[in-house]
C-alpha atoms as a PDB file:
ATOM      1  CA  MET A   1      34.985  12.135  -9.573  1.00  0.00           C
ATOM      2  CA  ASN A   2      35.026  12.268 -13.377  1.00  0.00           C
ATOM      3  CA  ALA A   3      32.376  10.099 -15.000  1.00  0.00           C
ATOM      4  CA  ASN A   4      35.035   8.280 -17.007  1.00  0.00           C
ATOM      5  CA  GLU A   5      37.097   7.364 -13.961  1.00  0.00           C
ATOM      6  CA  ILE A   6      36.878   3.979 -12.300  1.00  0.00           C
ATOM      7  CA  ALA A   7      35.639   4.034  -8.730  1.00  0.00           C
ATOM      8  CA  PRO A   8      38.268   2.760  -6.258  1.00  0.00           C
ATOM      9  CA  ARG A   9      37.667  -0.793  -5.091  1.00  0.00           C
ATOM     10  CA  PRO A  10      36.749  -1.295  -1.424  1.00  0.00           C
ATOM     11  CA  GLU A  11      39.763  -2.022   0.741  1.00  0.00           C
ATOM     12  CA  ALA A  12      40.077  -5.646   1.834  1.00  0.00           C
ATOM     13  CA  PRO A  13      40.287  -6.277   5.607  1.00  0.00           C
ATOM     14  CA  GLU A  14      43.784  -7.720   5.179  1.00  0.00           C
ATOM     15  CA  THR A  15      45.082  -4.592   3.471  1.00  0.00           C
ATOM     16  CA  ALA A  16      45.692  -2.751   6.716  1.00  0.00           C
ATOM     17  CA  ASN A  17      48.017  -5.556   7.858  1.00  0.00           C
ATOM     18  CA  TRP A  18      50.152  -6.151   4.759  1.00  0.00           C
ATOM     19  CA  ARG A  19      53.011  -3.981   6.005  1.00  0.00           C
ATOM     20  CA  GLN A  20      53.301  -6.189   9.055  1.00  0.00           C
ATOM     21  CA  LEU A  21      53.016  -9.338   6.956  1.00  0.00           C
ATOM     22  CA  VAL A  22      55.921  -8.466   4.669  1.00  0.00           C
ATOM     23  CA  LYS A  23      58.307  -7.449   7.445  1.00  0.00           C
ATOM     24  CA  ARG A  24      59.331 -11.010   8.233  1.00  0.00           C
ATOM     25  CA  TYR A  25      60.568 -11.453   4.646  1.00  0.00           C
ATOM     26  CA  GLN A  26      62.500  -8.188   4.351  1.00  0.00           C
ATOM     27  CA  ALA A  27      65.645  -9.213   6.204  1.00  0.00           C
ATOM     28  CA  PRO A  28      68.380 -10.289   3.737  1.00  0.00           C
ATOM     29  CA  SER A  29      70.390 -13.420   4.459  1.00  0.00           C
ATOM     30  CA  LEU A  30      74.135 -12.993   3.950  1.00  0.00           C
ATOM     31  CA  SER A  31      74.597 -16.707   3.196  1.00  0.00           C
ATOM     32  CA  LYS A  32      71.752 -16.741   0.634  1.00  0.00           C
ATOM     33  CA  SER A  33      72.978 -13.561  -1.020  1.00  0.00           C
ATOM     34  CA  LEU A  34      76.557 -14.843  -1.286  1.00  0.00           C
ATOM     35  CA  TRP A  35      75.372 -18.224  -2.557  1.00  0.00           C
ATOM     36  CA  GLN A  36      73.262 -16.542  -5.227  1.00  0.00           C
ATOM     37  CA  LEU A  37      76.134 -14.285  -6.206  1.00  0.00           C
ATOM     38  CA  GLY A  38      78.346 -17.343  -6.606  1.00  0.00           C
ATOM     39  CA  ASN A  39      75.907 -19.465  -8.599  1.00  0.00           C
ATOM     40  CA  THR A  40      75.245 -16.500 -10.912  1.00  0.00           C
ATOM     41  CA  LEU A  41      78.575 -14.702 -11.425  1.00  0.00           C
ATOM     42  CA  ILE A  42      80.805 -17.786 -11.558  1.00  0.00           C
ATOM     43  CA  PRO A  43      78.825 -19.436 -14.415  1.00  0.00           C
ATOM     44  CA  TYR A  44      78.540 -16.078 -16.189  1.00  0.00           C
ATOM     45  CA  VAL A  45      82.288 -15.446 -16.081  1.00  0.00           C
ATOM     46  CA  GLY A  46      82.912 -19.116 -16.919  1.00  0.00           C
ATOM     47  CA  LEU A  47      80.796 -18.838 -20.068  1.00  0.00           C
ATOM     48  CA  TRP A  48      82.886 -15.872 -21.205  1.00  0.00           C
ATOM     49  CA  GLY A  49      85.942 -18.049 -20.607  1.00  0.00           C
ATOM     50  CA  LEU A  50      84.495 -20.831 -22.781  1.00  0.00           C
ATOM     51  CA  MET A  51      83.664 -18.320 -25.495  1.00  0.00           C
ATOM     52  CA  TYR A  52      87.312 -17.254 -25.541  1.00  0.00           C
ATOM     53  CA  TYR A  53      88.217 -20.759 -26.717  1.00  0.00           C
ATOM     54  CA  THR A  54      85.236 -21.481 -28.987  1.00  0.00           C
ATOM     55  CA  VAL A  55      85.401 -18.168 -30.870  1.00  0.00           C
ATOM     56  CA  GLN A  56      88.535 -19.398 -32.661  1.00  0.00           C
ATOM     57  CA  TRP A  57      86.829 -22.380 -34.307  1.00  0.00           C
ATOM     58  CA  SER A  58      83.025 -22.284 -33.962  1.00  0.00           C
ATOM     59  CA  TRP A  59      80.978 -19.105 -34.093  1.00  0.00           C
ATOM     60  CA  PRO A  60      77.624 -20.958 -33.843  1.00  0.00           C
ATOM     61  CA  LEU A  61      78.766 -22.540 -30.575  1.00  0.00           C
ATOM     62  CA  THR A  62      80.111 -19.189 -29.345  1.00  0.00           C
ATOM     63  CA  LEU A  63      76.776 -17.469 -30.034  1.00  0.00           C
ATOM     64  CA  ALA A  64      74.896 -20.323 -28.339  1.00  0.00           C
ATOM     65  CA  LEU A  65      77.092 -19.830 -25.265  1.00  0.00           C
ATOM     66  CA  ALA A  66      76.456 -16.069 -25.497  1.00  0.00           C
ATOM     67  CA  ALA A  67      72.695 -16.703 -25.456  1.00  0.00           C
ATOM     68  CA  LEU A  68      73.118 -18.892 -22.359  1.00  0.00           C
ATOM     69  CA  ALA A  69      75.269 -16.178 -20.762  1.00  0.00           C
ATOM     70  CA  ALA A  70      72.406 -13.763 -21.457  1.00  0.00           C
ATOM     71  CA  LEU A  71      70.116 -15.846 -19.224  1.00  0.00           C
ATOM     72  CA  PHE A  72      72.645 -15.543 -16.401  1.00  0.00           C
ATOM     73  CA  LEU A  73      72.915 -11.818 -17.096  1.00  0.00           C
ATOM     74  CA  VAL A  74      69.170 -11.471 -16.464  1.00  0.00           C
ATOM     75  CA  ARG A  75      69.844 -12.991 -13.045  1.00  0.00           C
ATOM     76  CA  VAL A  76      72.798 -10.612 -12.587  1.00  0.00           C
ATOM     77  CA  PHE A  77      70.421  -7.734 -13.268  1.00  0.00           C
ATOM     78  CA  ILE A  78      68.028  -8.979 -10.572  1.00  0.00           C
ATOM     79  CA  ILE A  79      70.907  -8.886  -8.071  1.00  0.00           C
ATOM     80  CA  PHE A  80      71.766  -5.372  -9.284  1.00  0.00           C
ATOM     81  CA  HIS A  81      68.087  -4.489  -8.908  1.00  0.00           C
ATOM     82  CA  ASP A  82      67.926  -5.766  -5.313  1.00  0.00           C
ATOM     83  CA  CYS A  83      71.090  -3.839  -4.418  1.00  0.00           C
ATOM     84  CA  GLY A  84      69.439  -0.692  -5.793  1.00  0.00           C
ATOM     85  CA  HIS A  85      66.565  -1.214  -3.382  1.00  0.00           C
ATOM     86  CA  GLY A  86      68.956  -1.790  -0.473  1.00  0.00           C
ATOM     87  CA  ALA A  87      67.473  -5.277  -0.174  1.00  0.00           C
ATOM     88  CA  TYR A  88      70.385  -7.598  -0.959  1.00  0.00           C
ATOM     89  CA  PHE A  89      72.652  -6.952   2.025  1.00  0.00           C
ATOM     90  CA  ARG A  90      72.169  -5.308   5.395  1.00  0.00           C
ATOM     91  CA  SER A  91      75.269  -3.233   4.650  1.00  0.00           C
ATOM     92  CA  LYS A  92      74.671  -0.125   2.533  1.00  0.00           C
ATOM     93  CA  TRP A  93      78.305  -0.241   1.438  1.00  0.00           C
ATOM     94  CA  LEU A  94      77.970  -3.832   0.192  1.00  0.00           C
ATOM     95  CA  ASN A  95      74.761  -3.022  -1.682  1.00  0.00           C
ATOM     96  CA  ASN A  96      76.485  -0.109  -3.394  1.00  0.00           C
ATOM     97  CA  ALA A  97      79.670  -2.037  -4.195  1.00  0.00           C
ATOM     98  CA  VAL A  98      77.915  -5.092  -5.629  1.00  0.00           C
ATOM     99  CA  GLY A  99      75.396  -2.799  -7.313  1.00  0.00           C
ATOM    100  CA  PHE A 100      78.196  -0.979  -9.130  1.00  0.00           C
ATOM    101  CA  VAL A 101      79.928  -4.185 -10.295  1.00  0.00           C
ATOM    102  CA  THR A 102      76.698  -5.831 -11.481  1.00  0.00           C
ATOM    103  CA  GLY A 103      75.746  -2.496 -13.051  1.00  0.00           C
ATOM    104  CA  LEU A 104      78.973  -2.602 -15.038  1.00  0.00           C
ATOM    105  CA  LEU A 105      78.165  -6.107 -16.296  1.00  0.00           C
ATOM    106  CA  THR A 106      74.668  -4.998 -17.312  1.00  0.00           C
ATOM    107  CA  LEU A 107      75.911  -1.638 -18.689  1.00  0.00           C
ATOM    108  CA  THR A 108      73.636   0.250 -16.276  1.00  0.00           C
ATOM    109  CA  PRO A 109      74.668   3.212 -14.067  1.00  0.00           C
ATOM    110  CA  TYR A 110      73.828   2.120 -10.542  1.00  0.00           C
ATOM    111  CA  ARG A 111      72.852   5.316  -8.720  1.00  0.00           C
ATOM    112  CA  HIS A 112      71.111   6.917 -11.696  1.00  0.00           C
ATOM    113  CA  TRP A 113      69.050   3.771 -12.322  1.00  0.00           C
ATOM    114  CA  LYS A 114      68.333   3.488  -8.598  1.00  0.00           C
ATOM    115  CA  TRP A 115      66.755   6.953  -8.644  1.00  0.00           C
ATOM    116  CA  GLN A 116      64.709   6.284 -11.801  1.00  0.00           C
ATOM    117  CA  HIS A 117      63.472   2.973 -10.487  1.00  0.00           C
ATOM    118  CA  ALA A 118      62.423   4.514  -7.173  1.00  0.00           C
ATOM    119  CA  VAL A 119      60.280   6.942  -9.189  1.00  0.00           C
ATOM    120  CA  HIS A 120      58.710   3.956 -10.960  1.00  0.00           C
ATOM    121  CA  HIS A 121      57.806   2.334  -7.641  1.00  0.00           C
ATOM    122  CA  GLY A 122      56.301   5.542  -6.306  1.00  0.00           C
ATOM    123  CA  THR A 123      54.218   6.307  -9.400  1.00  0.00           C
ATOM    124  CA  SER A 124      53.379   2.961 -11.031  1.00  0.00           C
ATOM    125  CA  GLY A 125      49.802   3.009 -12.298  1.00  0.00           C
ATOM    126  CA  ASN A 126      49.409   6.768 -11.756  1.00  0.00           C
ATOM    127  CA  LEU A 127      48.126   8.428 -14.934  1.00  0.00           C
ATOM    128  CA  ASP A 128      49.319  11.816 -13.705  1.00  0.00           C
ATOM    129  CA  GLU A 129      52.913  10.655 -13.166  1.00  0.00           C
ATOM    130  CA  ARG A 130      53.795   8.833 -16.377  1.00  0.00           C
ATOM    131  CA  GLY A 131      57.125   9.292 -18.100  1.00  0.00           C
ATOM    132  CA  ILE A 132      59.905   7.952 -15.856  1.00  0.00           C
ATOM    133  CA  GLY A 133      60.647   4.256 -15.562  1.00  0.00           C
ATOM    134  CA  ASP A 134      57.557   2.997 -17.349  1.00  0.00           C
ATOM    135  CA  VAL A 135      56.356   1.822 -20.767  1.00  0.00           C
ATOM    136  CA  TRP A 136      54.739   4.672 -22.708  1.00  0.00           C
ATOM    137  CA  THR A 137      50.988   4.148 -22.313  1.00  0.00           C
ATOM    138  CA  MET A 138      48.304   6.468 -23.709  1.00  0.00           C
ATOM    139  CA  THR A 139      44.631   6.462 -22.837  1.00  0.00           C
ATOM    140  CA  VAL A 140      41.984   5.883 -25.498  1.00  0.00           C
ATOM    141  CA  GLN A 141      40.954   9.533 -25.247  1.00  0.00           C
ATOM    142  CA  GLU A 142      44.537  10.803 -25.539  1.00  0.00           C
ATOM    143  CA  TYR A 143      45.125   8.654 -28.597  1.00  0.00           C
ATOM    144  CA  ALA A 144      41.884   9.822 -30.232  1.00  0.00           C
ATOM    145  CA  SER A 145      42.839  13.483 -29.790  1.00  0.00           C
ATOM    146  CA  ALA A 146      46.519  13.031 -30.747  1.00  0.00           C
ATOM    147  CA  SER A 147      47.960  14.289 -34.002  1.00  0.00           C
ATOM    148  CA  LYS A 148      48.637  11.902 -36.880  1.00  0.00           C
ATOM    149  CA  TRP A 149      52.378  12.042 -36.219  1.00  0.00           C
ATOM    150  CA  LYS A 150      52.043  11.399 -32.502  1.00  0.00           C
ATOM    151  CA  ARG A 151      49.855   8.373 -33.235  1.00  0.00           C
ATOM    152  CA  LEU A 152      52.462   7.099 -35.670  1.00  0.00           C
ATOM    153  CA  HIS A 153      55.202   7.674 -33.088  1.00  0.00           C
ATOM    154  CA  TYR A 154      53.189   5.764 -30.503  1.00  0.00           C
ATOM    155  CA  ARG A 155      52.479   2.873 -32.862  1.00  0.00           C
ATOM    156  CA  VAL A 156      56.160   2.582 -33.730  1.00  0.00           C
ATOM    157  CA  ALA A 157      57.187   2.711 -30.060  1.00  0.00           C
ATOM    158  CA  ARG A 158      54.661  -0.010 -29.131  1.00  0.00           C
ATOM    159  CA  ASN A 159      55.420  -2.253 -32.108  1.00  0.00           C
ATOM    160  CA  PRO A 160      56.694  -5.589 -30.715  1.00  0.00           C
ATOM    161  CA  PHE A 161      59.612  -5.737 -33.174  1.00  0.00           C
ATOM    162  CA  ILE A 162      60.728  -2.293 -32.020  1.00  0.00           C
ATOM    163  CA  LEU A 163      59.870  -2.696 -28.341  1.00  0.00           C
ATOM    164  CA  PHE A 164      61.555  -6.073 -27.882  1.00  0.00           C
ATOM    165  CA  GLY A 165      64.094  -5.918 -30.705  1.00  0.00           C
ATOM    166  CA  LEU A 166      65.625  -2.473 -31.052  1.00  0.00           C
ATOM    167  CA  VAL A 167      64.612  -0.868 -27.755  1.00  0.00           C
ATOM    168  CA  PRO A 168      66.613  -3.245 -25.506  1.00  0.00           C
ATOM    169  CA  LEU A 169      69.854  -2.533 -27.377  1.00  0.00           C
ATOM    170  CA  GLY A 170      69.073   1.182 -27.489  1.00  0.00           C
ATOM    171  CA  LEU A 171      68.241   1.157 -23.782  1.00  0.00           C
ATOM    172  CA  PHE A 172      71.452  -0.473 -22.581  1.00  0.00           C
ATOM    173  CA  LEU A 173      73.888   0.835 -25.190  1.00  0.00           C
ATOM    174  CA  ILE A 174      72.664   4.419 -25.666  1.00  0.00           C
ATOM    175  CA  TYR A 175      69.912   5.556 -23.273  1.00  0.00           C
ATOM    176  CA  GLN A 176      71.781   4.449 -20.154  1.00  0.00           C
ATOM    177  CA  ARG A 177      74.802   6.484 -21.276  1.00  0.00           C
ATOM    178  CA  ILE A 178      72.901   9.777 -21.001  1.00  0.00           C
ATOM    179  CA  PRO A 179      72.023  11.292 -17.592  1.00  0.00           C
ATOM    180  CA  TYR A 180      68.449  12.424 -17.072  1.00  0.00           C
ATOM    181  CA  ALA A 181      68.050  16.167 -16.632  1.00  0.00           C
ATOM    182  CA  LYS A 182      65.870  15.800 -13.522  1.00  0.00           C
ATOM    183  CA  ALA A 183      68.395  13.586 -11.739  1.00  0.00           C
ATOM    184  CA  SER A 184      70.547  14.955  -8.948  1.00  0.00           C
ATOM    185  CA  ARG A 185      74.143  15.952  -9.646  1.00  0.00           C
ATOM    186  CA  ARG A 186      75.438  12.833  -7.872  1.00  0.00           C
ATOM    187  CA  ASP A 187      73.146  10.604  -9.924  1.00  0.00           C
ATOM    188  CA  ARG A 188      74.181  12.312 -13.151  1.00  0.00           C
ATOM    189  CA  ASN A 189      77.844  11.886 -12.214  1.00  0.00           C
ATOM    190  CA  SER A 190      77.218   8.174 -11.664  1.00  0.00           C
ATOM    191  CA  VAL A 191      76.390   7.892 -15.365  1.00  0.00           C
ATOM    192  CA  HIS A 192      79.733   9.443 -16.320  1.00  0.00           C
ATOM    193  CA  TRP A 193      81.661   7.159 -13.978  1.00  0.00           C
ATOM    194  CA  MET A 194      79.860   4.119 -15.348  1.00  0.00           C
ATOM    195  CA  ASN A 195      80.551   5.216 -18.922  1.00  0.00           C
ATOM    196  CA  PHE A 196      84.253   5.491 -18.077  1.00  0.00           C
ATOM    197  CA  SER A 197      84.186   2.051 -16.435  1.00  0.00           C
ATOM    198  CA  ILE A 198      82.490   0.536 -19.482  1.00  0.00           C
ATOM    199  CA  VAL A 199      85.216   1.945 -21.741  1.00  0.00           C
ATOM    200  CA  VAL A 200      87.854   0.282 -19.536  1.00  0.00           C
ATOM    201  CA  TYR A 201      85.832  -2.964 -19.475  1.00  0.00           C
ATOM    202  CA  ALA A 202      85.403  -2.928 -23.277  1.00  0.00           C
ATOM    203  CA  PHE A 203      89.081  -2.136 -23.853  1.00  0.00           C
ATOM    204  CA  GLY A 204      90.161  -5.023 -21.613  1.00  0.00           C
ATOM    205  CA  LEU A 205      87.879  -7.617 -23.202  1.00  0.00           C
ATOM    206  CA  SER A 206      88.715  -6.349 -26.698  1.00  0.00           C
ATOM    207  CA  TRP A 207      92.389  -6.908 -25.895  1.00  0.00           C
ATOM    208  CA  ILE A 208      91.591 -10.477 -24.796  1.00  0.00           C
ATOM    209  CA  PHE A 209      89.049 -11.466 -27.481  1.00  0.00           C
ATOM    210  CA  GLY A 210      89.846  -9.093 -30.294  1.00  0.00           C
ATOM    211  CA  PHE A 211      87.707  -6.009 -30.922  1.00  0.00           C
ATOM    212  CA  TRP A 212      85.161  -7.418 -33.377  1.00  0.00           C
ATOM    213  CA  ASN A 213      84.886 -10.726 -31.540  1.00  0.00           C
ATOM    214  CA  PHE A 214      84.116  -8.844 -28.337  1.00  0.00           C
ATOM    215  CA  VAL A 215      81.586  -6.581 -30.075  1.00  0.00           C
ATOM    216  CA  CYS A 216      79.676  -9.523 -31.588  1.00  0.00           C
ATOM    217  CA  ILE A 217      79.612 -11.455 -28.325  1.00  0.00           C
ATOM    218  CA  GLN A 218      78.632  -8.444 -26.200  1.00  0.00           C
ATOM    219  CA  LEU A 219      75.876  -7.428 -28.624  1.00  0.00           C
ATOM    220  CA  THR A 220      74.439 -10.956 -28.460  1.00  0.00           C
ATOM    221  CA  VAL A 221      74.593 -11.126 -24.669  1.00  0.00           C
ATOM    222  CA  THR A 222      73.173  -7.624 -24.216  1.00  0.00           C
ATOM    223  CA  GLY A 223      70.559  -8.033 -26.942  1.00  0.00           C
ATOM    224  CA  VAL A 224      69.167 -11.344 -25.687  1.00  0.00           C
ATOM    225  CA  SER A 225      69.244 -10.413 -21.998  1.00  0.00           C
ATOM    226  CA  GLY A 226      67.823  -6.965 -22.770  1.00  0.00           C
ATOM    227  CA  THR A 227      64.927  -8.431 -24.738  1.00  0.00           C
ATOM    228  CA  LEU A 228      64.124 -10.850 -21.929  1.00  0.00           C
ATOM    229  CA  GLY A 229      64.383  -8.087 -19.332  1.00  0.00           C
ATOM    230  CA  VAL A 230      62.177  -5.659 -21.248  1.00  0.00           C
ATOM    231  CA  TRP A 231      59.624  -8.429 -21.809  1.00  0.00           C
ATOM    232  CA  LEU A 232      59.533  -9.262 -18.092  1.00  0.00           C
ATOM    233  CA  PHE A 233      59.053  -5.609 -17.178  1.00  0.00           C
ATOM    234  CA  TYR A 234      56.414  -5.160 -19.881  1.00  0.00           C
ATOM    235  CA  VAL A 235      54.239  -8.144 -19.023  1.00  0.00           C
ATOM    236  CA  GLN A 236      54.353  -7.379 -15.299  1.00  0.00           C
ATOM    237  CA  HIS A 237      52.409  -4.149 -15.834  1.00  0.00           C
ATOM    238  CA  GLN A 238      50.902  -4.344 -19.328  1.00  0.00           C
ATOM    239  CA  PHE A 239      48.049  -6.821 -19.035  1.00  0.00           C
ATOM    240  CA  GLU A 240      44.325  -6.443 -19.659  1.00  0.00           C
ATOM    241  CA  ASP A 241      43.115  -5.928 -16.080  1.00  0.00           C
ATOM    242  CA  THR A 242      46.049  -3.848 -14.910  1.00  0.00           C
ATOM    243  CA  TYR A 243      45.717  -0.715 -12.789  1.00  0.00           C
ATOM    244  CA  TRP A 244      45.793   2.925 -13.891  1.00  0.00           C
ATOM    245  CA  ARG A 245      44.200   5.749 -11.911  1.00  0.00           C
ATOM    246  CA  SER A 246      44.570   9.503 -11.622  1.00  0.00           C
ATOM    247  CA  GLY A 247      44.336  12.058  -8.848  1.00  0.00           C
ATOM    248  CA  ASP A 248      43.143  10.965  -5.432  1.00  0.00           C
ATOM    249  CA  SER A 249      41.767   7.682  -6.792  1.00  0.00           C
ATOM    250  CA  TRP A 250      45.335   6.322  -7.149  1.00  0.00           C
ATOM    251  CA  ASP A 251      46.335   4.045  -4.271  1.00  0.00           C
ATOM    252  CA  TYR A 252      49.751   2.500  -3.616  1.00  0.00           C
ATOM    253  CA  THR A 253      48.469  -0.851  -2.330  1.00  0.00           C
ATOM    254  CA  ALA A 254      45.923  -1.232  -5.104  1.00  0.00           C
ATOM    255  CA  SER A 255      48.588  -0.321  -7.656  1.00  0.00           C
ATOM    256  CA  ALA A 256      50.850  -3.090  -6.360  1.00  0.00           C
ATOM    257  CA  MET A 257      48.154  -5.751  -6.035  1.00  0.00           C
ATOM    258  CA  GLU A 258      46.143  -4.958  -9.155  1.00  0.00           C
ATOM    259  CA  GLY A 259      48.715  -3.332 -11.415  1.00  0.00           C
ATOM    260  CA  SER A 260      51.603  -5.786 -10.910  1.00  0.00           C
ATOM    261  CA  SER A 261      51.084  -9.304 -12.174  1.00  0.00           C
ATOM    262  CA  PHE A 262      52.065 -12.656 -10.751  1.00  0.00           C
ATOM    263  CA  TYR A 263      53.916 -13.979 -13.795  1.00  0.00           C
ATOM    264  CA  LYS A 264      53.838 -17.717 -13.163  1.00  0.00           C
ATOM    265  CA  LEU A 265      56.887 -19.108 -14.921  1.00  0.00           C
ATOM    266  CA  PRO A 266      58.327 -22.634 -15.168  1.00  0.00           C
ATOM    267  CA  ALA A 267      60.840 -23.333 -12.404  1.00  0.00           C
ATOM    268  CA  VAL A 268      63.936 -22.913 -14.584  1.00  0.00           C
ATOM    269  CA  LEU A 269      62.770 -19.548 -15.948  1.00  0.00           C
ATOM    270  CA  ASN A 270      61.774 -18.452 -12.462  1.00  0.00           C
ATOM    271  CA  TRP A 271      65.345 -19.249 -11.337  1.00  0.00           C
ATOM    272  CA  PHE A 272      66.979 -17.263 -14.136  1.00  0.00           C
ATOM    273  CA  SER A 273      64.605 -14.325 -13.571  1.00  0.00           C
ATOM    274  CA  GLY A 274      65.247 -14.255  -9.824  1.00  0.00           C
ATOM    275  CA  SER A 275      61.557 -14.827  -8.971  1.00  0.00           C
ATOM    276  CA  ILE A 276      60.730 -11.338 -10.251  1.00  0.00           C
ATOM    277  CA  GLY A 277      57.479 -12.813 -11.588  1.00  0.00           C
ATOM    278  CA  TYR A 278      56.178 -12.369  -8.031  1.00  0.00           C
ATOM    279  CA  HIS A 279      56.023  -8.747  -8.966  1.00  0.00           C
ATOM    280  CA  HIS A 280      53.088  -7.781  -6.774  1.00  0.00           C
ATOM    281  CA  ILE A 281      55.123  -8.762  -3.713  1.00  0.00           C
ATOM    282  CA  HIS A 282      58.056  -6.730  -4.969  1.00  0.00           C
ATOM    283  CA  HIS A 283      55.863  -3.652  -5.461  1.00  0.00           C
ATOM    284  CA  LEU A 284      54.291  -4.028  -2.042  1.00  0.00           C
ATOM    285  CA  SER A 285      57.752  -4.093  -0.483  1.00  0.00           C
ATOM    286  CA  SER A 286      60.863  -3.488  -2.567  1.00  0.00           C
ATOM    287  CA  ARG A 287      62.999  -4.321   0.489  1.00  0.00           C
ATOM    288  CA  ILE A 288      62.260  -8.045   0.128  1.00  0.00           C
ATOM    289  CA  PRO A 289      65.235  -9.845  -1.481  1.00  0.00           C
ATOM    290  CA  ASN A 290      64.342 -11.813  -4.604  1.00  0.00           C
ATOM    291  CA  TYR A 291      64.925 -15.160  -2.889  1.00  0.00           C
ATOM    292  CA  ASN A 292      62.175 -14.387  -0.351  1.00  0.00           C
ATOM    293  CA  LEU A 293      59.474 -13.275  -2.813  1.00  0.00           C
ATOM    294  CA  LYS A 294      57.994 -16.712  -3.410  1.00  0.00           C
ATOM    295  CA  ALA A 295      57.805 -17.563   0.292  1.00  0.00           C
ATOM    296  CA  CYS A 296      56.061 -14.269   1.010  1.00  0.00           C
ATOM    297  CA  HIS A 297      53.533 -14.866  -1.770  1.00  0.00           C
ATOM    298  CA  GLU A 298      52.731 -18.328  -0.483  1.00  0.00           C
ATOM    299  CA  ALA A 299      52.499 -17.290   3.180  1.00  0.00           C
ATOM    300  CA  GLU A 300      49.272 -15.283   3.130  1.00  0.00           C
ATOM    301  CA  PRO A 301      46.026 -15.664   1.127  1.00  0.00           C
ATOM    302  CA  PHE A 302      45.893 -11.871   0.706  1.00  0.00           C
ATOM    303  CA  PHE A 303      49.034 -11.946  -1.446  1.00  0.00           C
ATOM    304  CA  GLN A 304      47.508 -14.573  -3.734  1.00  0.00           C
ATOM    305  CA  GLN A 305      44.546 -12.371  -4.762  1.00  0.00           C
ATOM    306  CA  VAL A 306      46.392 -10.971  -7.758  1.00  0.00           C
ATOM    307  CA  PRO A 307      46.226 -11.345 -11.547  1.00  0.00           C
ATOM    308  CA  GLU A 308      48.019 -14.608 -12.388  1.00  0.00           C
ATOM    309  CA  ILE A 309      49.536 -14.743 -15.853  1.00  0.00           C
ATOM    310  CA  GLY A 310      51.129 -17.780 -17.467  1.00  0.00           C
ATOM    311  CA  LEU A 311      53.329 -17.900 -20.543  1.00  0.00           C
ATOM    312  CA  LYS A 312      50.425 -18.442 -22.966  1.00  0.00           C
ATOM    313  CA  ARG A 313      48.278 -15.673 -21.537  1.00  0.00           C
ATOM    314  CA  SER A 314      51.204 -13.271 -21.398  1.00  0.00           C
ATOM    315  CA  LEU A 315      51.477 -13.311 -25.195  1.00  0.00           C
ATOM    316  CA  ARG A 316      48.030 -11.706 -25.436  1.00  0.00           C
ATOM    317  CA  SER A 317      49.437  -8.544 -23.920  1.00  0.00           C
ATOM    318  CA  LEU A 318      51.171  -7.874 -27.245  1.00  0.00           C
ATOM    319  CA  HIS A 319      47.796  -6.807 -28.662  1.00  0.00           C
ATOM    320  CA  LEU A 320      47.008  -4.387 -25.825  1.00  0.00           C
ATOM    321  CA  ARG A 321      47.918  -0.773 -26.576  1.00  0.00           C
ATOM    322  CA  LEU A 322      45.726   1.801 -24.810  1.00  0.00           C
ATOM    323  CA  TRP A 323      44.190   2.326 -21.391  1.00  0.00           C
ATOM    324  CA  ASP A 324      40.410   2.574 -21.578  1.00  0.00           C
ATOM    325  CA  GLU A 325      39.319   4.657 -18.583  1.00  0.00           C
ATOM    326  CA  SER A 326      35.641   3.797 -19.064  1.00  0.00           C
ATOM    327  CA  SER A 327      36.125   0.026 -18.807  1.00  0.00           C
ATOM    328  CA  GLY A 328      39.265   0.024 -16.671  1.00  0.00           C
ATOM    329  CA  LYS A 329      41.147  -2.230 -19.084  1.00  0.00           C
ATOM    330  CA  LEU A 330      43.995  -2.160 -21.548  1.00  0.00           C
ATOM    331  CA  VAL A 331      42.596  -2.490 -25.059  1.00  0.00           C
ATOM    332  CA  GLY A 332      43.813  -2.597 -28.635  1.00  0.00           C
ATOM    333  CA  TYR A 333      43.795   0.261 -31.122  1.00  0.00           C
ATOM    334  CA  PRO A 334      40.364   1.492 -32.267  1.00  0.00           C
ATOM    335  CA  LYS A 335      39.307  -0.003 -35.586  1.00  0.00           C
ATOM    336  CA  GLY A 336      40.232   2.167 -38.517  1.00  0.00           C
ATOM    337  CA  SER A 337      42.598   4.360 -36.505  1.00  0.00           C
END
């Protein structure tokens, strides 16, 4: 083992049993899934209906409603996310159908995203497998040996105003429109079909609202929800004591338990985010529907031995930039760099 690498932690006795422990929470409930679909999609569509009336006489109210719709769209994305994991319904057909519709609302190609996200789950925390479905993270040594322009590129990409301001809009409006070269032909085709569907969707709502009204509302909804979504994803893996390993020292269970945070949110934010703050549970078993994550976390002491991050502590992650292999922590930029 390289002298700079962190030695793997000894496996806890409970580790061998976690696969059995999560099984009881993996079965989706049709009634719970349908109820969640209703209490998410109906308010979301209803808010668009209200905006149709308010846009004629009060833009501030319309934009306030758009920001509220964005919170519901985060919840829509969690449903989309669960469908992509095959966790929302027992029926594969239902998962795919609801996944496509919720993908349209979130401007995300279902099958293509499903493939990318599966790569994320299989490689999260693996230094040798960075590049698909993760936040660009360099090691201290890589940054020190990088060219001036690559350092500048990295600093720009990790700047909070870029990462949580421009990146979300770029991600959902542009990046998701382009198929990844490594994707299968079917997954690449799913991007084209989604792009066509979005054109139809945009044309229809433009006809109802007026083109510029629709553009302003959609940009607000997508921008706010995208920022919240990117922040959730960021803080769930980018915290000081997170997990990065290379080679044979990488371990799936350790990556889930040490490299995925328990983001402890107030109840209302936990509702809008579909309990995705219980991210360690989700990474242990992506087949658990979002409405079972909390119960699974609370069922076994083993699941509670994870980094717990509250709102205040989560803000500190904004200052963490590089993975320090010698200390096994995320750190800021070196002084004077």
